């Protein structure tokens, strides 16, 4: 992954679907504040970028990942679907 410009592929890149999954886990353990923090971040990125992207840089302002050889997929339906499910789960309209 270093060759593709993704040297921290598994430890520093923020993935939209994993951020959504962390919100779901926070809900499962009763940490609604933690879930809200994750969902608020995802919402801010979606508003800023006009879509849900696959991966984001780990440093503020967490812009979509780009390098000479790779650009974050956008729109990224897997991440968007996970986020939508979590919004409903957070609101308790769907089982987690």
N, C-alpha and C. Protein backbone atom coordinates (compact mmCIF):
# COMPACT_ATOMS: atom_id res chain seq x y z
N UNK A 1 0.82 -1.19 0.00
CA UNK A 1 0.00 0.00 0.00
C UNK A 1 0.86 1.26 0.00
N UNK A 2 2.10 1.15 0.41
CA UNK A 2 2.99 2.31 0.41
C UNK A 2 3.16 2.82 -1.02
N UNK A 3 3.30 1.91 -1.98
CA UNK A 3 3.48 2.29 -3.37
C UNK A 3 2.29 3.11 -3.88
N UNK A 4 1.10 2.80 -3.41
CA UNK A 4 -0.10 3.52 -3.83
C UNK A 4 -0.30 4.84 -3.07
N UNK A 5 0.65 5.15 -2.18
CA UNK A 5 0.51 6.38 -1.40
C UNK A 5 -0.38 6.21 -0.19
N UNK A 6 -0.61 4.98 0.23
CA UNK A 6 -1.46 4.69 1.39
C UNK A 6 -0.63 3.99 2.47
N UNK A 7 0.43 4.65 2.90
CA UNK A 7 1.35 4.05 3.86
C UNK A 7 0.73 3.69 5.20
N UNK A 8 -0.33 4.34 5.59
CA UNK A 8 -0.98 4.06 6.88
C UNK A 8 -2.40 3.55 6.63
N UNK A 9 -2.51 2.67 5.67
CA UNK A 9 -3.79 2.13 5.22
C UNK A 9 -4.62 1.55 6.35
N UNK A 10 -4.00 0.86 7.29
CA UNK A 10 -4.74 0.19 8.36
C UNK A 10 -4.74 0.91 9.69
N UNK A 11 -3.94 1.95 9.85
CA UNK A 11 -3.86 2.54 11.19
C UNK A 11 -4.12 4.03 11.28
N UNK A 12 -4.09 4.78 10.19
CA UNK A 12 -4.30 6.22 10.31
C UNK A 12 -5.37 6.78 9.39
N UNK A 13 -5.79 6.02 8.42
CA UNK A 13 -6.81 6.50 7.50
C UNK A 13 -8.18 6.36 8.16
N UNK A 14 -9.02 7.36 8.03
CA UNK A 14 -10.38 7.30 8.56
C UNK A 14 -11.30 6.78 7.47
N UNK A 15 -11.91 5.66 7.72
CA UNK A 15 -12.84 5.04 6.77
C UNK A 15 -14.26 5.44 7.15
N UNK A 16 -15.06 5.84 6.18
CA UNK A 16 -16.43 6.25 6.49
C UNK A 16 -17.22 5.09 7.11
N UNK A 17 -17.10 3.89 6.56
CA UNK A 17 -17.90 2.78 7.08
C UNK A 17 -17.44 2.35 8.47
N UNK A 18 -16.14 2.46 8.76
CA UNK A 18 -15.66 2.10 10.10
C UNK A 18 -16.03 3.17 11.12
N UNK A 19 -16.06 4.42 10.70
CA UNK A 19 -16.51 5.48 11.60
C UNK A 19 -17.98 5.26 11.93
N UNK A 20 -18.78 4.88 10.93
CA UNK A 20 -20.18 4.56 11.17
C UNK A 20 -20.32 3.35 12.08
N UNK A 21 -19.50 2.34 11.86
CA UNK A 21 -19.54 1.15 12.71
C UNK A 21 -19.18 1.50 14.15
N UNK A 22 -18.25 2.41 14.35
CA UNK A 22 -17.90 2.82 15.72
C UNK A 22 -19.09 3.50 16.39
N UNK A 23 -19.90 4.24 15.62
CA UNK A 23 -21.11 4.85 16.18
C UNK A 23 -22.09 3.76 16.61
N UNK A 24 -22.21 2.72 15.80
CA UNK A 24 -23.13 1.62 16.13
C UNK A 24 -22.67 0.90 17.40
N UNK A 25 -21.39 0.64 17.51
CA UNK A 25 -20.86 -0.02 18.70
C UNK A 25 -21.07 0.86 19.93
N UNK A 26 -20.85 2.15 19.78
CA UNK A 26 -21.08 3.07 20.90
C UNK A 26 -22.53 2.98 21.37
N UNK A 27 -23.48 2.92 20.43
CA UNK A 27 -24.89 2.77 20.80
C UNK A 27 -25.12 1.46 21.54
N UNK A 28 -24.51 0.39 21.04
CA UNK A 28 -24.69 -0.92 21.65
C UNK A 28 -24.24 -0.97 23.11
N UNK A 29 -23.20 -0.23 23.42
CA UNK A 29 -22.69 -0.23 24.80
C UNK A 29 -23.24 0.92 25.62
N UNK A 30 -24.22 1.64 25.07
CA UNK A 30 -24.88 2.71 25.82
C UNK A 30 -24.17 4.04 25.79
N UNK A 31 -23.20 4.20 24.92
CA UNK A 31 -22.45 5.45 24.82
C UNK A 31 -23.04 6.32 23.70
N UNK A 32 -24.20 6.89 23.97
CA UNK A 32 -24.87 7.70 22.95
C UNK A 32 -24.07 8.96 22.62
N UNK A 33 -23.34 9.49 23.57
CA UNK A 33 -22.51 10.68 23.31
C UNK A 33 -21.39 10.33 22.33
N UNK A 34 -20.75 9.17 22.51
CA UNK A 34 -19.73 8.73 21.58
C UNK A 34 -20.29 8.51 20.18
N UNK A 35 -21.49 7.94 20.12
CA UNK A 35 -22.14 7.73 18.83
C UNK A 35 -22.44 9.07 18.16
N UNK A 36 -22.90 10.02 18.95
CA UNK A 36 -23.22 11.34 18.40
C UNK A 36 -21.97 12.03 17.86
N UNK A 37 -20.86 11.89 18.54
CA UNK A 37 -19.61 12.50 18.07
C UNK A 37 -19.23 11.94 16.70
N UNK A 38 -19.29 10.62 16.56
CA UNK A 38 -18.96 9.99 15.28
C UNK A 38 -19.94 10.41 14.18
N UNK A 39 -21.23 10.39 14.49
CA UNK A 39 -22.24 10.76 13.49
C UNK A 39 -22.15 12.24 13.11
N UNK A 40 -21.85 13.09 14.10
CA UNK A 40 -21.68 14.52 13.80
C UNK A 40 -20.50 14.75 12.86
N UNK A 41 -19.41 14.02 13.08
CA UNK A 41 -18.25 14.15 12.20
C UNK A 41 -18.61 13.72 10.79
N UNK A 42 -19.28 12.59 10.67
CA UNK A 42 -19.69 12.11 9.35
C UNK A 42 -20.62 13.10 8.65
N UNK A 43 -21.52 13.67 9.42
CA UNK A 43 -22.43 14.66 8.86
C UNK A 43 -21.66 15.88 8.35
N UNK A 44 -20.71 16.36 9.12
CA UNK A 44 -19.93 17.53 8.72
C UNK A 44 -19.15 17.25 7.44
N UNK A 45 -18.57 16.06 7.33
CA UNK A 45 -17.82 15.70 6.13
C UNK A 45 -18.75 15.61 4.93
N UNK A 46 -19.93 15.02 5.12
CA UNK A 46 -20.88 14.88 4.02
C UNK A 46 -21.36 16.24 3.52
N UNK A 47 -21.62 17.14 4.44
CA UNK A 47 -22.05 18.49 4.06
C UNK A 47 -20.93 19.20 3.32
N UNK A 48 -19.72 19.13 3.85
CA UNK A 48 -18.58 19.79 3.23
C UNK A 48 -18.29 19.26 1.83
N UNK A 49 -18.31 17.91 1.68
CA UNK A 49 -17.90 17.28 0.42
C UNK A 49 -19.06 17.04 -0.54
N UNK A 50 -20.29 17.17 -0.07
CA UNK A 50 -21.45 16.92 -0.91
C UNK A 50 -21.69 15.45 -1.18
N UNK A 51 -21.01 14.58 -0.47
CA UNK A 51 -21.14 13.13 -0.63
C UNK A 51 -20.42 12.43 0.52
N UNK A 52 -20.58 11.13 0.60
CA UNK A 52 -19.79 10.32 1.53
C UNK A 52 -18.63 9.74 0.73
N UNK A 53 -17.44 9.92 1.24
CA UNK A 53 -16.24 9.40 0.59
C UNK A 53 -15.80 8.12 1.28
N UNK A 54 -14.95 7.38 0.60
CA UNK A 54 -14.45 6.10 1.13
C UNK A 54 -13.53 6.32 2.33
N UNK A 55 -12.48 7.11 2.14
CA UNK A 55 -11.48 7.32 3.19
C UNK A 55 -11.11 8.80 3.29
N UNK A 56 -10.69 9.17 4.51
CA UNK A 56 -10.34 10.55 4.82
C UNK A 56 -8.97 10.59 5.50
N UNK A 57 -8.29 11.71 5.36
CA UNK A 57 -7.01 11.90 6.05
C UNK A 57 -7.24 11.93 7.56
N UNK A 58 -6.22 11.48 8.29
CA UNK A 58 -6.36 11.40 9.75
C UNK A 58 -6.18 12.75 10.44
N UNK A 59 -5.69 13.74 9.74
CA UNK A 59 -5.48 15.05 10.37
C UNK A 59 -6.62 16.00 10.02
N UNK A 60 -6.91 16.90 10.94
CA UNK A 60 -7.96 17.90 10.74
C UNK A 60 -7.62 18.73 9.53
N UNK A 61 -8.55 18.97 8.64
CA UNK A 61 -9.99 18.82 8.70
C UNK A 61 -10.53 17.51 8.12
N UNK A 62 -9.73 16.46 8.09
CA UNK A 62 -10.17 15.14 7.62
C UNK A 62 -10.75 15.20 6.20
N UNK A 63 -9.96 15.72 5.29
CA UNK A 63 -10.40 15.81 3.89
C UNK A 63 -10.29 14.44 3.23
N UNK A 64 -11.04 14.21 2.15
CA UNK A 64 -10.93 12.94 1.44
C UNK A 64 -9.49 12.68 1.02
N UNK A 65 -9.08 11.42 1.12
CA UNK A 65 -7.70 11.03 0.82
C UNK A 65 -7.41 11.18 -0.67
N UNK A 66 -6.29 11.80 -0.97
CA UNK A 66 -5.79 11.84 -2.34
C UNK A 66 -4.27 11.74 -2.29
N UNK A 67 -3.71 11.07 -3.26
CA UNK A 67 -2.26 11.01 -3.44
C UNK A 67 -2.00 10.98 -4.94
N UNK A 68 -0.75 10.91 -5.33
CA UNK A 68 -0.44 10.85 -6.76
C UNK A 68 -1.04 9.63 -7.44
N UNK A 69 -1.23 8.54 -6.68
CA UNK A 69 -1.67 7.29 -7.28
C UNK A 69 -3.05 6.81 -6.82
N UNK A 70 -3.67 7.52 -5.88
CA UNK A 70 -4.96 7.04 -5.38
C UNK A 70 -5.81 8.21 -4.91
N UNK A 71 -7.11 8.13 -5.20
CA UNK A 71 -8.08 9.09 -4.68
C UNK A 71 -9.23 8.32 -4.05
N UNK A 72 -9.69 8.82 -2.94
CA UNK A 72 -10.81 8.21 -2.23
C UNK A 72 -12.02 8.08 -3.16
N UNK A 73 -12.65 6.91 -3.13
CA UNK A 73 -13.86 6.74 -3.94
C UNK A 73 -14.95 7.67 -3.44
N UNK A 74 -15.69 8.22 -4.38
CA UNK A 74 -16.83 9.07 -4.06
C UNK A 74 -17.81 9.07 -5.20
N UNK A 75 -19.04 8.91 -4.97
CA UNK A 75 -19.66 8.57 -3.69
C UNK A 75 -19.34 7.12 -3.31
N UNK A 76 -19.37 6.87 -2.03
CA UNK A 76 -19.04 5.55 -1.51
C UNK A 76 -20.28 4.96 -0.85
N UNK A 77 -20.99 4.09 -1.57
CA UNK A 77 -22.30 3.61 -1.12
C UNK A 77 -22.21 2.76 0.15
N UNK A 78 -21.15 1.99 0.31
CA UNK A 78 -21.02 1.17 1.53
C UNK A 78 -21.02 2.07 2.76
N UNK A 79 -20.19 3.10 2.75
CA UNK A 79 -20.14 4.03 3.87
C UNK A 79 -21.46 4.76 4.06
N UNK A 80 -22.07 5.20 2.96
CA UNK A 80 -23.34 5.92 3.04
C UNK A 80 -24.42 5.04 3.64
N UNK A 81 -24.48 3.78 3.22
CA UNK A 81 -25.47 2.85 3.75
C UNK A 81 -25.28 2.61 5.24
N UNK A 82 -24.04 2.43 5.66
CA UNK A 82 -23.75 2.22 7.08
C UNK A 82 -24.18 3.44 7.90
N UNK A 83 -23.92 4.61 7.37
CA UNK A 83 -24.27 5.84 8.08
C UNK A 83 -25.78 5.98 8.19
N UNK A 84 -26.51 5.73 7.11
CA UNK A 84 -27.97 5.82 7.16
C UNK A 84 -28.55 4.84 8.17
N UNK A 85 -28.04 3.62 8.17
CA UNK A 85 -28.51 2.63 9.13
C UNK A 85 -28.27 3.11 10.55
N UNK A 86 -27.10 3.69 10.78
CA UNK A 86 -26.77 4.14 12.13
C UNK A 86 -27.60 5.33 12.58
N UNK A 87 -27.96 6.20 11.65
CA UNK A 87 -28.83 7.32 12.02
C UNK A 87 -30.16 6.79 12.52
N UNK A 88 -30.74 5.82 11.81
CA UNK A 88 -32.00 5.23 12.25
C UNK A 88 -31.81 4.46 13.56
N UNK A 89 -30.69 3.77 13.68
CA UNK A 89 -30.42 3.03 14.92
C UNK A 89 -30.29 3.98 16.10
N UNK A 90 -29.60 5.07 15.88
CA UNK A 90 -29.40 6.07 16.94
C UNK A 90 -30.75 6.61 17.39
N UNK A 91 -31.63 6.81 16.43
CA UNK A 91 -32.97 7.31 16.76
C UNK A 91 -33.91 6.20 17.25
N UNK A 92 -33.36 4.99 17.35
CA UNK A 92 -34.09 3.82 17.86
C UNK A 92 -35.27 3.42 16.98
N UNK A 93 -35.22 3.73 15.69
CA UNK A 93 -36.27 3.29 14.79
C UNK A 93 -35.92 1.96 14.13
N UNK A 94 -34.66 1.53 14.24
CA UNK A 94 -34.23 0.22 13.76
C UNK A 94 -33.45 -0.49 14.86
N UNK A 95 -33.52 -1.79 14.90
CA UNK A 95 -32.68 -2.50 15.86
C UNK A 95 -31.21 -2.35 15.46
N UNK A 96 -30.36 -2.30 16.42
CA UNK A 96 -28.93 -2.16 16.13
C UNK A 96 -28.35 -3.50 15.75
